[in-house]
Amino acid sequence: MNYIIFDLEASCWLGRPPKGQNEIIEIGAVKVDQFQQVVSVFNKFVKPTVNPILSEFCKKLTSISQEDVDRSKTFPLVIEDFMDWADIDHEDYLLISWGKYDKAQLMLDCTLHHIDTEWLDKHINLKSAYRHLRKLKDEPGLKKAVKMEGFEFSGIHHRAISDAENLAKIFVKHFEEWNIG
């Protein structure tokens, strides 16, 4: 079993998007095997097509530049690379994200580009699972959960690869305790 721990960054604005659509601009992921070892890392920027110009708010929040996305492939090509890297064609994978947003945004982008979404059915929301595991009243943000677990948050918050790597720390620490069977 491969556990694909992923995070996304998407185009964003203060308020609604100009053409009503946020699009993925970065996919970061860590592949963890059944022995709790990180075996591979995936990180790519994505060139948005509906609203190709990043807002100043988005660039500041994510530290992703216009040049980063301009030099990148569009979503259909990047998601194909991601699916190949994650070995989605095989049955032995589970997608893991912190919250519901990442899966929902992937579904929106797949739908926008007429890409099948059935592969997204093998997904768990680790944020909700973490709340149950720790018997918390509320679901904490990722950065707070990382600190609650005694780890330093490494990398840049609101960068997909950094968030995925930090989420992997929590996932591996409690590997035997997750009720994800």
N, C-alpha and C. Protein backbone atom coordinates (compact mmCIF):
# COMPACT_ATOMS: atom_id res chain seq x y z
N MET A 1 0.85 -1.19 0.00
CA MET A 1 0.00 0.00 0.00
C MET A 1 0.89 1.24 0.00
N ASN A 2 0.58 2.15 -0.90
CA ASN A 2 1.23 3.46 -0.91
C ASN A 2 0.26 4.50 -0.38
N TYR A 3 0.73 5.30 0.53
CA TYR A 3 -0.06 6.39 1.09
C TYR A 3 0.44 7.67 0.43
N ILE A 4 -0.44 8.32 -0.31
CA ILE A 4 -0.10 9.54 -1.05
C ILE A 4 -0.60 10.73 -0.25
N ILE A 5 0.31 11.34 0.48
CA ILE A 5 -0.02 12.48 1.34
C ILE A 5 0.22 13.73 0.51
N PHE A 6 -0.87 14.45 0.23
CA PHE A 6 -0.74 15.56 -0.71
C PHE A 6 -1.37 16.85 -0.18
N ASP A 7 -0.93 17.93 -0.79
CA ASP A 7 -1.49 19.24 -0.50
C ASP A 7 -1.49 20.03 -1.80
N LEU A 8 -2.41 20.96 -1.90
CA LEU A 8 -2.53 21.81 -3.08
C LEU A 8 -2.49 23.26 -2.69
N GLU A 9 -2.03 24.07 -3.60
CA GLU A 9 -2.24 25.51 -3.52
C GLU A 9 -3.03 25.87 -4.77
N ALA A 10 -3.93 26.82 -4.61
CA ALA A 10 -4.77 27.23 -5.74
C ALA A 10 -4.75 28.75 -5.86
N SER A 11 -5.08 29.20 -7.04
CA SER A 11 -5.20 30.64 -7.25
C SER A 11 -6.23 31.17 -6.25
N CYS A 12 -6.00 32.39 -5.79
CA CYS A 12 -6.87 32.94 -4.75
C CYS A 12 -6.90 34.46 -4.83
N TRP A 13 -7.98 35.01 -4.30
CA TRP A 13 -8.18 36.45 -4.30
C TRP A 13 -8.81 36.84 -2.98
N LEU A 14 -8.75 38.09 -2.66
CA LEU A 14 -9.57 38.62 -1.58
C LEU A 14 -10.94 38.81 -2.22
N GLY A 15 -11.86 37.95 -1.91
CA GLY A 15 -13.16 37.98 -2.58
C GLY A 15 -13.23 36.87 -3.62
N ARG A 16 -14.16 37.01 -4.54
CA ARG A 16 -14.40 35.96 -5.54
C ARG A 16 -13.41 36.04 -6.70
N PRO A 17 -13.12 34.89 -7.30
CA PRO A 17 -12.25 34.89 -8.49
C PRO A 17 -12.90 35.66 -9.63
N PRO A 18 -12.11 36.31 -10.46
CA PRO A 18 -12.66 37.10 -11.58
C PRO A 18 -13.61 36.30 -12.48
N LYS A 19 -13.26 35.05 -12.78
CA LYS A 19 -14.13 34.23 -13.64
C LYS A 19 -14.74 33.08 -12.86
N GLY A 20 -14.91 33.26 -11.56
CA GLY A 20 -15.62 32.30 -10.74
C GLY A 20 -14.94 30.96 -10.52
N GLN A 21 -13.65 30.86 -10.76
CA GLN A 21 -12.97 29.56 -10.68
C GLN A 21 -11.58 29.71 -10.07
N ASN A 22 -11.35 29.04 -8.95
CA ASN A 22 -9.99 28.89 -8.43
C ASN A 22 -9.39 27.70 -9.15
N GLU A 23 -8.09 27.74 -9.40
CA GLU A 23 -7.42 26.64 -10.07
C GLU A 23 -6.16 26.26 -9.30
N ILE A 24 -5.83 24.98 -9.35
CA ILE A 24 -4.62 24.50 -8.69
C ILE A 24 -3.40 25.14 -9.35
N ILE A 25 -2.48 25.63 -8.50
CA ILE A 25 -1.24 26.20 -9.01
C ILE A 25 0.00 25.46 -8.48
N GLU A 26 -0.19 24.56 -7.51
CA GLU A 26 0.92 23.74 -7.04
C GLU A 26 0.36 22.44 -6.45
N ILE A 27 1.02 21.33 -6.78
CA ILE A 27 0.72 20.04 -6.17
C ILE A 27 2.00 19.56 -5.50
N GLY A 28 1.90 19.31 -4.21
CA GLY A 28 3.01 18.75 -3.45
C GLY A 28 2.55 17.46 -2.80
N ALA A 29 3.39 16.44 -2.84
CA ALA A 29 2.98 15.16 -2.26
C ALA A 29 4.19 14.36 -1.79
N VAL A 30 3.91 13.50 -0.82
CA VAL A 30 4.90 12.59 -0.27
C VAL A 30 4.30 11.19 -0.34
N LYS A 31 5.07 10.25 -0.85
CA LYS A 31 4.62 8.85 -0.91
C LYS A 31 5.25 8.10 0.26
N VAL A 32 4.40 7.52 1.10
CA VAL A 32 4.84 6.73 2.26
C VAL A 32 4.41 5.29 2.02
N ASP A 33 5.32 4.35 2.25
CA ASP A 33 4.97 2.95 2.03
C ASP A 33 4.42 2.31 3.31
N GLN A 34 4.09 1.02 3.23
CA GLN A 34 3.50 0.32 4.37
C GLN A 34 4.47 0.17 5.53
N PHE A 35 5.76 0.46 5.29
CA PHE A 35 6.77 0.41 6.36
C PHE A 35 7.02 1.78 6.97
N GLN A 36 6.16 2.72 6.63
CA GLN A 36 6.20 4.08 7.16
C GLN A 36 7.42 4.87 6.69
N GLN A 37 7.93 4.50 5.54
CA GLN A 37 9.09 5.18 4.97
C GLN A 37 8.65 6.10 3.84
N VAL A 38 9.21 7.30 3.82
CA VAL A 38 8.99 8.20 2.69
C VAL A 38 9.82 7.66 1.54
N VAL A 39 9.16 7.28 0.46
CA VAL A 39 9.87 6.67 -0.66
C VAL A 39 10.02 7.60 -1.86
N SER A 40 9.22 8.67 -1.88
CA SER A 40 9.30 9.57 -3.02
C SER A 40 8.56 10.87 -2.71
N VAL A 41 8.96 11.92 -3.42
CA VAL A 41 8.34 13.24 -3.26
C VAL A 41 7.97 13.77 -4.65
N PHE A 42 6.82 14.45 -4.72
CA PHE A 42 6.35 15.05 -5.96
C PHE A 42 6.07 16.52 -5.69
N ASN A 43 6.57 17.40 -6.55
CA ASN A 43 6.27 18.82 -6.41
C ASN A 43 6.32 19.49 -7.77
N LYS A 44 5.17 20.02 -8.18
CA LYS A 44 5.11 20.74 -9.46
C LYS A 44 4.15 21.91 -9.36
N PHE A 45 4.53 22.97 -10.04
CA PHE A 45 3.63 24.10 -10.22
C PHE A 45 2.71 23.79 -11.40
N VAL A 46 1.58 24.48 -11.43
CA VAL A 46 0.58 24.28 -12.49
C VAL A 46 0.21 25.64 -13.07
N LYS A 47 0.16 25.71 -14.38
CA LYS A 47 -0.21 26.94 -15.07
C LYS A 47 -1.73 27.04 -15.15
N PRO A 48 -2.34 28.02 -14.48
CA PRO A 48 -3.80 28.16 -14.55
C PRO A 48 -4.23 28.64 -15.94
N THR A 49 -5.44 28.24 -16.34
CA THR A 49 -5.91 28.61 -17.68
C THR A 49 -7.13 29.53 -17.67
N VAL A 50 -7.98 29.43 -16.67
CA VAL A 50 -9.18 30.28 -16.61
C VAL A 50 -8.80 31.69 -16.17
N ASN A 51 -8.04 31.78 -15.10
CA ASN A 51 -7.51 33.06 -14.60
C ASN A 51 -5.99 32.92 -14.53
N PRO A 52 -5.29 33.14 -15.64
CA PRO A 52 -3.86 32.86 -15.69
C PRO A 52 -2.96 33.80 -14.89
N ILE A 53 -3.49 34.96 -14.48
CA ILE A 53 -2.69 35.93 -13.75
C ILE A 53 -2.98 35.78 -12.25
N LEU A 54 -1.94 35.52 -11.47
CA LEU A 54 -2.09 35.40 -10.01
C LEU A 54 -2.34 36.76 -9.39
N SER A 55 -3.19 36.78 -8.39
CA SER A 55 -3.43 38.03 -7.66
C SER A 55 -2.25 38.34 -6.74
N GLU A 56 -2.12 39.59 -6.38
CA GLU A 56 -1.07 39.97 -5.43
C GLU A 56 -1.28 39.24 -4.10
N PHE A 57 -2.54 39.11 -3.69
CA PHE A 57 -2.88 38.39 -2.46
C PHE A 57 -2.36 36.95 -2.52
N CYS A 58 -2.57 36.28 -3.63
CA CYS A 58 -2.17 34.88 -3.80
C CYS A 58 -0.64 34.75 -3.79
N LYS A 59 0.03 35.63 -4.49
CA LYS A 59 1.50 35.57 -4.54
C LYS A 59 2.09 35.78 -3.14
N LYS A 60 1.49 36.69 -2.38
CA LYS A 60 1.99 36.96 -1.03
C LYS A 60 1.69 35.78 -0.09
N LEU A 61 0.48 35.22 -0.16
CA LEU A 61 0.07 34.12 0.71
C LEU A 61 0.91 32.86 0.46
N THR A 62 1.12 32.53 -0.81
CA THR A 62 1.75 31.26 -1.15
C THR A 62 3.25 31.35 -1.44
N SER A 63 3.75 32.52 -1.68
CA SER A 63 5.12 32.77 -2.14
C SER A 63 5.38 32.18 -3.53
N ILE A 64 4.32 31.88 -4.25
CA ILE A 64 4.43 31.38 -5.62
C ILE A 64 4.38 32.58 -6.56
N SER A 65 5.34 32.67 -7.45
CA SER A 65 5.41 33.83 -8.35
C SER A 65 4.68 33.56 -9.67
N GLN A 66 4.41 34.64 -10.37
CA GLN A 66 3.80 34.52 -11.70
C GLN A 66 4.72 33.71 -12.62
N GLU A 67 6.01 33.93 -12.49
CA GLU A 67 6.98 33.20 -13.32
C GLU A 67 6.93 31.69 -13.03
N ASP A 68 6.73 31.32 -11.75
CA ASP A 68 6.63 29.90 -11.40
C ASP A 68 5.53 29.21 -12.19
N VAL A 69 4.36 29.83 -12.24
CA VAL A 69 3.24 29.20 -12.94
C VAL A 69 3.34 29.38 -14.46
N ASP A 70 3.87 30.51 -14.91
CA ASP A 70 4.00 30.73 -16.36
C ASP A 70 4.92 29.70 -17.00
N ARG A 71 5.95 29.26 -16.28
CA ARG A 71 6.91 28.28 -16.80
C ARG A 71 6.41 26.84 -16.68
N SER A 72 5.24 26.65 -16.11
CA SER A 72 4.75 25.31 -15.79
C SER A 72 3.81 24.76 -16.86
N LYS A 73 3.52 23.46 -16.73
CA LYS A 73 2.55 22.80 -17.59
C LYS A 73 1.15 23.09 -17.06
N THR A 74 0.16 22.89 -17.90
CA THR A 74 -1.23 23.04 -17.49
C THR A 74 -1.68 21.82 -16.68
N PHE A 75 -2.83 21.94 -16.04
CA PHE A 75 -3.33 20.90 -15.15
C PHE A 75 -3.39 19.51 -15.78
N PRO A 76 -3.95 19.34 -16.99
CA PRO A 76 -4.04 17.98 -17.53
C PRO A 76 -2.68 17.27 -17.61
N LEU A 77 -1.62 17.99 -17.94
CA LEU A 77 -0.30 17.39 -18.04
C LEU A 77 0.30 17.11 -16.65
N VAL A 78 0.12 18.04 -15.73
CA VAL A 78 0.67 17.86 -14.38
C VAL A 78 -0.07 16.75 -13.64
N ILE A 79 -1.38 16.68 -13.79
CA ILE A 79 -2.13 15.64 -13.07
C ILE A 79 -1.81 14.26 -13.66
N GLU A 80 -1.51 14.20 -14.93
CA GLU A 80 -1.06 12.94 -15.52
C GLU A 80 0.29 12.52 -14.91
N ASP A 81 1.20 13.47 -14.77
CA ASP A 81 2.49 13.20 -14.11
C ASP A 81 2.27 12.73 -12.67
N PHE A 82 1.36 13.41 -11.97
CA PHE A 82 1.07 13.06 -10.58
C PHE A 82 0.50 11.64 -10.48
N MET A 83 -0.45 11.33 -11.34
CA MET A 83 -1.07 10.01 -11.31
C MET A 83 -0.06 8.91 -11.65
N ASP A 84 0.85 9.19 -12.58
CA ASP A 84 1.91 8.23 -12.89
C ASP A 84 2.84 8.05 -11.69
N TRP A 85 3.24 9.17 -11.09
CA TRP A 85 4.12 9.12 -9.92
C TRP A 85 3.47 8.35 -8.77
N ALA A 86 2.18 8.59 -8.55
CA ALA A 86 1.45 7.96 -7.44
C ALA A 86 1.06 6.52 -7.76
N ASP A 87 1.23 6.11 -9.01
CA ASP A 87 0.88 4.76 -9.46
C ASP A 87 -0.61 4.49 -9.27
N ILE A 88 -1.41 5.45 -9.70
CA ILE A 88 -2.87 5.41 -9.53
C ILE A 88 -3.50 4.24 -10.27
N ASP A 89 -2.87 3.75 -11.31
CA ASP A 89 -3.45 2.64 -12.07
C ASP A 89 -3.54 1.36 -11.24
N HIS A 90 -2.83 1.30 -10.14
CA HIS A 90 -2.89 0.12 -9.28
C HIS A 90 -3.83 0.38 -8.12
N GLU A 91 -4.36 -0.67 -7.56
CA GLU A 91 -5.38 -0.57 -6.51
C GLU A 91 -4.81 -0.22 -5.14
N ASP A 92 -3.52 -0.31 -4.96
CA ASP A 92 -2.93 -0.22 -3.63
C ASP A 92 -2.41 1.18 -3.28
N TYR A 93 -3.31 2.15 -3.28
CA TYR A 93 -2.94 3.51 -2.87
C TYR A 93 -4.08 4.11 -2.07
N LEU A 94 -3.74 5.10 -1.28
CA LEU A 94 -4.73 5.88 -0.55
C LEU A 94 -4.28 7.32 -0.57
N LEU A 95 -5.14 8.22 -1.02
CA LEU A 95 -4.87 9.65 -1.02
C LEU A 95 -5.20 10.21 0.35
N ILE A 96 -4.32 11.05 0.88
CA ILE A 96 -4.51 11.61 2.22
C ILE A 96 -4.25 13.11 2.16
N SER A 97 -5.20 13.88 2.67
CA SER A 97 -5.02 15.33 2.74
C SER A 97 -5.50 15.84 4.10
N TRP A 98 -5.13 17.06 4.40
CA TRP A 98 -5.53 17.71 5.65
C TRP A 98 -6.77 18.53 5.36
N GLY A 99 -7.94 17.94 5.58
CA GLY A 99 -9.20 18.63 5.33
C GLY A 99 -9.84 18.17 4.04
N LYS A 100 -11.01 18.75 3.76
CA LYS A 100 -11.81 18.38 2.59
C LYS A 100 -11.43 19.18 1.34
N TYR A 101 -10.80 20.31 1.54
CA TYR A 101 -10.56 21.25 0.45
C TYR A 101 -9.77 20.64 -0.71
N ASP A 102 -8.69 19.95 -0.40
CA ASP A 102 -7.78 19.48 -1.45
C ASP A 102 -8.47 18.51 -2.41
N LYS A 103 -9.22 17.57 -1.87
CA LYS A 103 -9.95 16.64 -2.74
C LYS A 103 -10.99 17.40 -3.57
N ALA A 104 -11.71 18.32 -2.93
CA ALA A 104 -12.74 19.09 -3.65
C ALA A 104 -12.12 19.91 -4.78
N GLN A 105 -10.97 20.54 -4.53
CA GLN A 105 -10.32 21.35 -5.57
C GLN A 105 -9.81 20.45 -6.70
N LEU A 106 -9.28 19.28 -6.36
CA LEU A 106 -8.87 18.34 -7.40
C LEU A 106 -10.06 17.94 -8.27
N MET A 107 -11.19 17.70 -7.64
CA MET A 107 -12.39 17.33 -8.39
C MET A 107 -12.81 18.46 -9.33
N LEU A 108 -12.76 19.69 -8.83
CA LEU A 108 -13.12 20.84 -9.68
C LEU A 108 -12.20 20.97 -10.88
N ASP A 109 -10.90 20.84 -10.65
CA ASP A 109 -9.95 20.97 -11.76
C ASP A 109 -10.08 19.81 -12.74
N CYS A 110 -10.28 18.60 -12.23
CA CYS A 110 -10.49 17.45 -13.12
C CYS A 110 -11.75 17.67 -13.97
N THR A 111 -12.81 18.12 -13.35
CA THR A 111 -14.06 18.37 -14.07
C THR A 111 -13.87 19.47 -15.12
N LEU A 112 -13.19 20.54 -14.74
CA LEU A 112 -12.91 21.63 -15.68
C LEU A 112 -12.20 21.13 -16.93
N HIS A 113 -11.29 20.18 -16.74
CA HIS A 113 -10.47 19.69 -17.86
C HIS A 113 -10.94 18.33 -18.38
N HIS A 114 -12.16 17.93 -17.98
CA HIS A 114 -12.77 16.69 -18.49
C HIS A 114 -11.90 15.46 -18.19
N ILE A 115 -11.43 15.38 -16.95
CA ILE A 115 -10.62 14.25 -16.50
C ILE A 115 -11.44 13.45 -15.49
N ASP A 116 -11.41 12.15 -15.61
CA ASP A 116 -12.14 11.25 -14.72
C ASP A 116 -11.76 11.53 -13.26
N THR A 117 -12.75 11.45 -12.36
CA THR A 117 -12.49 11.71 -10.94
C THR A 117 -12.63 10.46 -10.07
N GLU A 118 -12.91 9.33 -10.67
CA GLU A 118 -13.12 8.12 -9.88
C GLU A 118 -11.91 7.76 -9.01
N TRP A 119 -10.72 8.08 -9.47
CA TRP A 119 -9.49 7.77 -8.74
C TRP A 119 -9.42 8.53 -7.41
N LEU A 120 -10.22 9.58 -7.26
CA LEU A 120 -10.22 10.37 -6.03
C LEU A 120 -11.07 9.75 -4.92
N ASP A 121 -11.78 8.67 -5.24
CA ASP A 121 -12.62 8.01 -4.23
C ASP A 121 -11.80 7.40 -3.10
N LYS A 122 -10.57 7.04 -3.37
CA LYS A 122 -9.70 6.43 -2.35
C LYS A 122 -8.98 7.56 -1.61
N HIS A 123 -9.71 8.24 -0.75
CA HIS A 123 -9.21 9.44 -0.06
C HIS A 123 -9.67 9.46 1.38
N ILE A 124 -8.80 9.92 2.26
CA ILE A 124 -9.24 10.20 3.62
C ILE A 124 -8.82 11.61 4.01
N ASN A 125 -9.64 12.19 4.86
CA ASN A 125 -9.41 13.51 5.42
C ASN A 125 -8.72 13.29 6.77
N LEU A 126 -7.42 13.51 6.80
CA LEU A 126 -6.67 13.25 8.03
C LEU A 126 -6.96 14.30 9.12
N LYS A 127 -7.43 15.45 8.72
CA LYS A 127 -7.77 16.48 9.70
C LYS A 127 -8.90 15.99 10.61
N SER A 128 -9.93 15.42 10.01
CA SER A 128 -11.04 14.87 10.77
C SER A 128 -10.59 13.65 11.58
N ALA A 129 -9.79 12.78 10.97
CA ALA A 129 -9.29 11.61 11.68
C ALA A 129 -8.42 12.01 12.87
N TYR A 130 -7.65 13.08 12.71
CA TYR A 130 -6.79 13.58 13.78
C TYR A 130 -7.63 14.10 14.96
N ARG A 131 -8.69 14.82 14.64
CA ARG A 131 -9.58 15.33 15.70
C ARG A 131 -10.13 14.16 16.51
N HIS A 132 -10.56 13.10 15.85
CA HIS A 132 -11.08 11.92 16.55
C HIS A 132 -9.98 11.21 17.33
N LEU A 133 -8.82 11.06 16.73
CA LEU A 133 -7.70 10.39 17.38
C LEU A 133 -7.31 11.10 18.68
N ARG A 134 -7.24 12.40 18.63
CA ARG A 134 -6.83 13.20 19.79
C ARG A 134 -8.00 13.63 20.67
N LYS A 135 -9.22 13.24 20.28
CA LYS A 135 -10.43 13.59 21.02
C LYS A 135 -10.53 15.10 21.25
N LEU A 136 -10.35 15.84 20.16
CA LEU A 136 -10.40 17.30 20.21
C LEU A 136 -11.80 17.79 19.88
N LYS A 137 -12.14 18.94 20.43
CA LYS A 137 -13.44 19.55 20.14
C LYS A 137 -13.47 20.07 18.70
N ASP A 138 -12.39 20.70 18.28
CA ASP A 138 -12.31 21.29 16.95
C ASP A 138 -11.16 20.68 16.16
N GLU A 139 -11.20 20.85 14.86
CA GLU A 139 -10.12 20.40 13.99
C GLU A 139 -9.07 21.51 13.91
N PRO A 140 -7.85 21.26 14.36
CA PRO A 140 -6.82 22.29 14.31
C PRO A 140 -6.27 22.47 12.90
N GLY A 141 -5.67 23.61 12.65
CA GLY A 141 -4.95 23.81 11.40
C GLY A 141 -3.71 22.94 11.40
N LEU A 142 -3.14 22.73 10.22
CA LEU A 142 -1.99 21.86 10.09
C LEU A 142 -0.80 22.35 10.92
N LYS A 143 -0.51 23.61 10.85
CA LYS A 143 0.64 24.15 11.57
C LYS A 143 0.49 23.92 13.07
N LYS A 144 -0.70 24.12 13.60
CA LYS A 144 -0.97 23.91 15.02
C LYS A 144 -0.82 22.42 15.37
N ALA A 145 -1.36 21.55 14.54
CA ALA A 145 -1.27 20.11 14.79
C ALA A 145 0.18 19.63 14.78
N VAL A 146 0.97 20.15 13.87
CA VAL A 146 2.39 19.79 13.81
C VAL A 146 3.07 20.15 15.13
N LYS A 147 2.78 21.34 15.63
CA LYS A 147 3.36 21.78 16.92
C LYS A 147 2.82 20.96 18.08
N MET A 148 1.52 20.62 18.03
CA MET A 148 0.92 19.80 19.09
C MET A 148 1.60 18.43 19.18
N GLU A 149 2.12 17.95 18.06
CA GLU A 149 2.78 16.65 18.00
C GLU A 149 4.27 16.74 18.35
N GLY A 150 4.74 17.94 18.68
CA GLY A 150 6.13 18.10 19.10
C GLY A 150 7.11 18.28 17.96
N PHE A 151 6.61 18.56 16.77
CA PHE A 151 7.48 18.79 15.62
C PHE A 151 7.61 20.28 15.35
N GLU A 152 8.69 20.64 14.70
CA GLU A 152 8.84 21.98 14.15
C GLU A 152 8.19 21.97 12.77
N PHE A 153 7.46 23.02 12.44
CA PHE A 153 6.92 23.13 11.09
C PHE A 153 8.08 23.52 10.19
N SER A 154 8.39 22.68 9.20
CA SER A 154 9.52 22.97 8.32
C SER A 154 9.01 23.46 6.97
N GLY A 155 9.82 24.28 6.33
CA GLY A 155 9.45 24.81 5.02
C GLY A 155 8.59 26.05 5.14
N ILE A 156 7.83 26.31 4.11
CA ILE A 156 7.01 27.52 4.00
C ILE A 156 5.54 27.13 4.08
N HIS A 157 4.84 27.65 5.09
CA HIS A 157 3.41 27.40 5.22
C HIS A 157 2.69 27.98 3.99
N HIS A 158 1.68 27.27 3.52
CA HIS A 158 0.94 27.60 2.30
C HIS A 158 1.78 27.39 1.05
N ARG A 159 2.71 26.46 1.13
CA ARG A 159 3.36 25.89 -0.04
C ARG A 159 3.03 24.41 0.01
N ALA A 160 2.53 23.88 -1.09
CA ALA A 160 2.00 22.52 -1.11
C ALA A 160 3.01 21.48 -0.65
N ILE A 161 4.25 21.58 -1.12
CA ILE A 161 5.23 20.56 -0.75
C ILE A 161 5.56 20.63 0.73
N SER A 162 5.69 21.82 1.28
CA SER A 162 5.99 21.95 2.71
C SER A 162 4.84 21.41 3.55
N ASP A 163 3.62 21.75 3.18
CA ASP A 163 2.46 21.27 3.94
C ASP A 163 2.35 19.74 3.84
N ALA A 164 2.62 19.17 2.67
CA ALA A 164 2.57 17.71 2.53
C ALA A 164 3.65 17.04 3.38
N GLU A 165 4.84 17.59 3.39
CA GLU A 165 5.93 17.01 4.18
C GLU A 165 5.63 17.08 5.68
N ASN A 166 5.04 18.17 6.11
CA ASN A 166 4.68 18.31 7.53
C ASN A 166 3.53 17.38 7.89
N LEU A 167 2.57 17.22 7.00
CA LEU A 167 1.47 16.30 7.24
C LEU A 167 1.99 14.87 7.33
N ALA A 168 2.98 14.54 6.52
CA ALA A 168 3.56 13.19 6.56
C ALA A 168 4.15 12.89 7.94
N LYS A 169 4.69 13.88 8.62
CA LYS A 169 5.23 13.67 9.97
C LYS A 169 4.13 13.16 10.92
N ILE A 170 2.98 13.81 10.85
CA ILE A 170 1.86 13.42 11.71
C ILE A 170 1.35 12.04 11.31
N PHE A 171 1.21 11.82 10.01
CA PHE A 171 0.71 10.54 9.53
C PHE A 171 1.60 9.39 9.99
N VAL A 172 2.90 9.53 9.81
CA VAL A 172 3.84 8.46 10.19
C VAL A 172 3.87 8.26 11.70
N LYS A 173 3.84 9.34 12.46
CA LYS A 173 3.89 9.22 13.93
C LYS A 173 2.75 8.35 14.46
N HIS A 174 1.58 8.50 13.89
CA HIS A 174 0.39 7.78 14.37
C HIS A 174 -0.04 6.67 13.40
N PHE A 175 0.88 6.19 12.61
CA PHE A 175 0.58 5.23 11.54
C PHE A 175 -0.29 4.07 12.01
N GLU A 176 0.04 3.48 13.13
CA GLU A 176 -0.69 2.31 13.63
C GLU A 176 -2.05 2.67 14.23
N GLU A 177 -2.26 3.96 14.51
CA GLU A 177 -3.48 4.37 15.22
C GLU A 177 -4.62 4.85 14.31
N TRP A 178 -4.31 5.20 13.06
CA TRP A 178 -5.34 5.73 12.17
C TRP A 178 -6.36 4.63 11.88
N ASN A 179 -7.58 4.99 11.90
CA ASN A 179 -8.65 4.06 11.55
C ASN A 179 -8.99 4.25 10.08
N ILE A 180 -8.06 3.78 9.22
CA ILE A 180 -8.22 4.03 7.79
C ILE A 180 -8.38 2.74 7.00
N GLY A 181 -8.58 1.63 7.70
CA GLY A 181 -8.70 0.33 7.03
C GLY A 181 -9.87 0.29 6.13
